[in-house]
């Protein structure tokens, strides 16, 4: 899936991944390629992206925000 992580100042990450683990308001959750459409509130924490191309996942620290997933594109807008 395509992933864009953005704060008010800049794009923190733009790329592709097979799995994303997100810090949801109600706890950590995971989304995969071709996951169903969703909108979720996020709390401050770590987004972990598993691309399948490397052993170590990409880790991006975010502030609170929202995540939307539609048509295999995950958009994270955060502080």
N, C-alpha and C. Protein backbone atom coordinates (compact mmCIF):
# COMPACT_ATOMS: atom_id res chain seq x y z
N UNK A 1 0.84 -1.18 0.00
CA UNK A 1 0.00 0.00 0.00
C UNK A 1 0.89 1.24 0.00
N UNK A 2 0.36 2.30 -0.53
CA UNK A 2 1.08 3.57 -0.52
C UNK A 2 0.84 4.24 0.83
N UNK A 3 1.91 4.81 1.41
CA UNK A 3 1.82 5.45 2.73
C UNK A 3 2.36 6.88 2.63
N UNK A 4 1.59 7.81 3.19
CA UNK A 4 2.04 9.20 3.32
C UNK A 4 1.84 9.60 4.77
N UNK A 5 2.91 10.03 5.42
CA UNK A 5 2.83 10.52 6.80
C UNK A 5 3.23 11.99 6.75
N UNK A 6 2.34 12.84 7.22
CA UNK A 6 2.54 14.28 7.08
C UNK A 6 2.20 15.01 8.37
N UNK A 7 3.04 15.98 8.75
CA UNK A 7 2.70 16.88 9.84
C UNK A 7 2.47 18.26 9.22
N UNK A 8 2.11 19.28 9.99
CA UNK A 8 1.82 20.59 9.39
C UNK A 8 3.01 21.21 8.65
N UNK A 9 4.22 20.79 8.96
CA UNK A 9 5.41 21.40 8.38
C UNK A 9 5.95 20.69 7.15
N UNK A 10 5.83 19.34 7.12
CA UNK A 10 6.48 18.62 6.02
C UNK A 10 5.97 17.18 5.94
N UNK A 11 6.36 16.52 4.88
CA UNK A 11 6.09 15.09 4.72
C UNK A 11 7.18 14.33 5.47
N UNK A 12 6.79 13.48 6.42
CA UNK A 12 7.74 12.70 7.20
C UNK A 12 8.14 11.42 6.48
N UNK A 13 7.19 10.85 5.71
CA UNK A 13 7.46 9.61 4.98
C UNK A 13 6.51 9.53 3.80
N UNK A 14 7.03 9.06 2.69
CA UNK A 14 6.20 8.74 1.53
C UNK A 14 6.83 7.54 0.85
N UNK A 15 6.06 6.48 0.73
CA UNK A 15 6.59 5.26 0.14
C UNK A 15 5.56 4.15 0.18
N UNK A 16 6.04 2.93 0.03
CA UNK A 16 5.17 1.77 -0.03
C UNK A 16 5.54 0.78 1.08
N UNK A 17 4.53 0.08 1.58
CA UNK A 17 4.74 -0.90 2.63
C UNK A 17 3.70 -2.00 2.52
N UNK A 18 3.97 -3.13 3.13
CA UNK A 18 3.00 -4.24 3.14
C UNK A 18 2.16 -4.22 4.41
N UNK A 19 2.75 -3.72 5.52
CA UNK A 19 2.05 -3.69 6.80
C UNK A 19 2.45 -2.42 7.54
N UNK A 20 1.46 -1.81 8.20
CA UNK A 20 1.72 -0.65 9.06
C UNK A 20 1.11 -0.91 10.42
N UNK A 21 1.89 -0.66 11.46
CA UNK A 21 1.40 -0.78 12.83
C UNK A 21 1.27 0.64 13.37
N UNK A 22 0.06 0.99 13.83
CA UNK A 22 -0.26 2.37 14.20
C UNK A 22 -0.63 2.48 15.67
N UNK A 23 -0.29 3.62 16.31
CA UNK A 23 -0.65 3.84 17.72
C UNK A 23 -2.05 4.43 17.86
N UNK A 24 -3.06 3.59 17.83
CA UNK A 24 -4.44 4.05 17.90
C UNK A 24 -4.81 4.57 19.28
N UNK A 25 -5.82 5.42 19.34
CA UNK A 25 -6.31 5.95 20.62
C UNK A 25 -6.71 4.82 21.58
N UNK A 26 -7.25 3.73 21.03
CA UNK A 26 -7.70 2.61 21.86
C UNK A 26 -6.69 1.47 21.90
N UNK A 27 -5.48 1.72 21.41
CA UNK A 27 -4.44 0.69 21.41
C UNK A 27 -3.83 0.53 20.03
N UNK A 28 -2.71 -0.14 20.00
CA UNK A 28 -1.99 -0.37 18.76
C UNK A 28 -2.78 -1.29 17.84
N UNK A 29 -2.75 -0.99 16.53
CA UNK A 29 -3.42 -1.86 15.57
C UNK A 29 -2.62 -1.90 14.28
N UNK A 30 -2.92 -2.89 13.46
CA UNK A 30 -2.16 -3.13 12.24
C UNK A 30 -3.08 -3.08 11.02
N UNK A 31 -2.57 -2.55 9.92
CA UNK A 31 -3.27 -2.60 8.64
C UNK A 31 -2.32 -3.20 7.61
N UNK A 32 -2.89 -3.94 6.67
CA UNK A 32 -2.12 -4.65 5.66
C UNK A 32 -2.51 -4.16 4.27
N UNK A 33 -1.73 -4.56 3.28
CA UNK A 33 -2.09 -4.30 1.89
C UNK A 33 -3.55 -4.68 1.65
N UNK A 34 -4.28 -3.84 0.95
CA UNK A 34 -5.67 -4.08 0.56
C UNK A 34 -6.61 -4.26 1.74
N UNK A 35 -6.28 -3.63 2.87
CA UNK A 35 -7.14 -3.62 4.05
C UNK A 35 -8.41 -2.85 3.72
N UNK A 36 -9.48 -3.13 4.44
CA UNK A 36 -10.73 -2.40 4.20
C UNK A 36 -10.57 -0.92 4.57
N UNK A 37 -11.41 -0.08 4.04
CA UNK A 37 -11.38 1.36 4.30
C UNK A 37 -11.54 1.62 5.79
N UNK A 38 -10.80 2.60 6.31
CA UNK A 38 -10.93 2.96 7.72
C UNK A 38 -10.54 4.40 7.96
N UNK A 39 -11.03 4.92 9.08
CA UNK A 39 -10.63 6.21 9.63
C UNK A 39 -10.39 5.95 11.11
N UNK A 40 -9.22 6.38 11.63
CA UNK A 40 -8.90 6.10 13.03
C UNK A 40 -8.16 7.28 13.66
N UNK A 41 -8.46 7.53 14.94
CA UNK A 41 -7.73 8.53 15.72
C UNK A 41 -6.44 7.90 16.22
N UNK A 42 -5.36 8.67 16.17
CA UNK A 42 -4.05 8.18 16.62
C UNK A 42 -3.56 9.01 17.80
N UNK A 43 -2.80 8.35 18.67
CA UNK A 43 -2.16 9.06 19.77
C UNK A 43 -0.66 9.15 19.47
N UNK A 44 0.03 9.95 20.25
CA UNK A 44 1.48 10.09 20.08
C UNK A 44 2.13 8.72 20.23
N UNK A 45 3.03 8.41 19.32
CA UNK A 45 3.70 7.11 19.39
C UNK A 45 4.49 6.83 18.13
N UNK A 46 4.75 5.55 17.91
CA UNK A 46 5.59 5.11 16.81
C UNK A 46 4.75 4.41 15.75
N UNK A 47 4.95 4.82 14.49
CA UNK A 47 4.38 4.10 13.34
C UNK A 47 5.49 3.18 12.85
N UNK A 48 5.15 1.90 12.70
CA UNK A 48 6.13 0.91 12.27
C UNK A 48 5.68 0.38 10.91
N UNK A 49 6.57 0.48 9.92
CA UNK A 49 6.24 0.09 8.55
C UNK A 49 7.12 -1.09 8.13
N UNK A 50 6.47 -2.18 7.73
CA UNK A 50 7.17 -3.38 7.26
C UNK A 50 7.00 -3.47 5.75
N UNK A 51 8.08 -3.21 5.04
CA UNK A 51 7.99 -3.23 3.57
C UNK A 51 8.20 -4.62 2.99
N UNK A 52 8.85 -5.48 3.72
CA UNK A 52 9.17 -6.80 3.19
C UNK A 52 10.47 -6.81 2.40
N UNK A 53 11.03 -5.63 2.12
CA UNK A 53 12.28 -5.53 1.36
C UNK A 53 13.50 -5.59 2.27
N UNK A 54 13.33 -5.14 3.51
CA UNK A 54 14.44 -5.16 4.47
C UNK A 54 14.01 -5.88 5.73
N UNK A 55 14.98 -6.33 6.49
CA UNK A 55 14.67 -7.03 7.73
C UNK A 55 14.16 -6.05 8.78
N UNK A 56 14.81 -4.91 8.91
CA UNK A 56 14.43 -3.93 9.92
C UNK A 56 13.29 -3.05 9.40
N UNK A 57 12.24 -2.90 10.19
CA UNK A 57 11.13 -2.03 9.76
C UNK A 57 11.50 -0.56 9.90
N UNK A 58 10.81 0.25 9.14
CA UNK A 58 10.95 1.72 9.23
C UNK A 58 10.13 2.17 10.43
N UNK A 59 10.70 3.05 11.27
CA UNK A 59 10.01 3.55 12.46
C UNK A 59 9.95 5.08 12.38
N UNK A 60 8.73 5.61 12.53
CA UNK A 60 8.54 7.06 12.46
C UNK A 60 7.72 7.49 13.66
N UNK A 61 8.28 8.40 14.44
CA UNK A 61 7.58 8.92 15.63
C UNK A 61 6.61 10.02 15.19
N UNK A 62 5.37 9.93 15.70
CA UNK A 62 4.36 10.92 15.36
C UNK A 62 3.72 11.48 16.63
N UNK A 63 3.09 12.63 16.48
CA UNK A 63 2.23 13.17 17.52
C UNK A 63 0.83 12.65 17.27
N UNK A 64 -0.14 13.12 18.01
CA UNK A 64 -1.51 12.67 17.80
C UNK A 64 -1.98 13.08 16.40
N UNK A 65 -3.00 12.39 15.91
CA UNK A 65 -3.50 12.71 14.58
C UNK A 65 -4.59 11.75 14.13
N UNK A 66 -4.75 11.64 12.82
CA UNK A 66 -5.73 10.72 12.26
C UNK A 66 -5.08 9.92 11.13
N UNK A 67 -5.64 8.75 10.89
CA UNK A 67 -5.21 7.90 9.78
C UNK A 67 -6.43 7.55 8.95
N UNK A 68 -6.28 7.62 7.64
CA UNK A 68 -7.34 7.17 6.73
C UNK A 68 -6.72 6.17 5.78
N UNK A 69 -7.48 5.15 5.46
CA UNK A 69 -7.04 4.15 4.50
C UNK A 69 -8.16 3.96 3.49
N UNK A 70 -7.86 4.22 2.23
CA UNK A 70 -8.85 4.08 1.17
C UNK A 70 -8.12 3.76 -0.13
N UNK A 71 -8.63 2.79 -0.85
CA UNK A 71 -8.05 2.38 -2.13
C UNK A 71 -6.56 2.07 -2.03
N UNK A 72 -6.21 1.39 -0.96
CA UNK A 72 -4.84 0.95 -0.69
C UNK A 72 -3.85 2.11 -0.52
N UNK A 73 -4.34 3.25 -0.03
CA UNK A 73 -3.48 4.39 0.31
C UNK A 73 -3.74 4.79 1.75
N UNK A 74 -2.70 4.73 2.57
CA UNK A 74 -2.77 5.10 3.97
C UNK A 74 -2.22 6.52 4.11
N UNK A 75 -3.08 7.42 4.60
CA UNK A 75 -2.69 8.82 4.83
C UNK A 75 -2.74 9.05 6.32
N UNK A 76 -1.61 9.50 6.89
CA UNK A 76 -1.54 9.84 8.31
C UNK A 76 -1.25 11.32 8.42
N UNK A 77 -2.16 12.05 9.06
CA UNK A 77 -1.98 13.47 9.32
C UNK A 77 -1.78 13.61 10.82
N UNK A 78 -0.63 14.17 11.21
CA UNK A 78 -0.28 14.19 12.63
C UNK A 78 0.38 15.50 13.02
N UNK A 79 0.53 15.66 14.33
CA UNK A 79 1.24 16.84 14.86
C UNK A 79 2.70 16.52 15.02
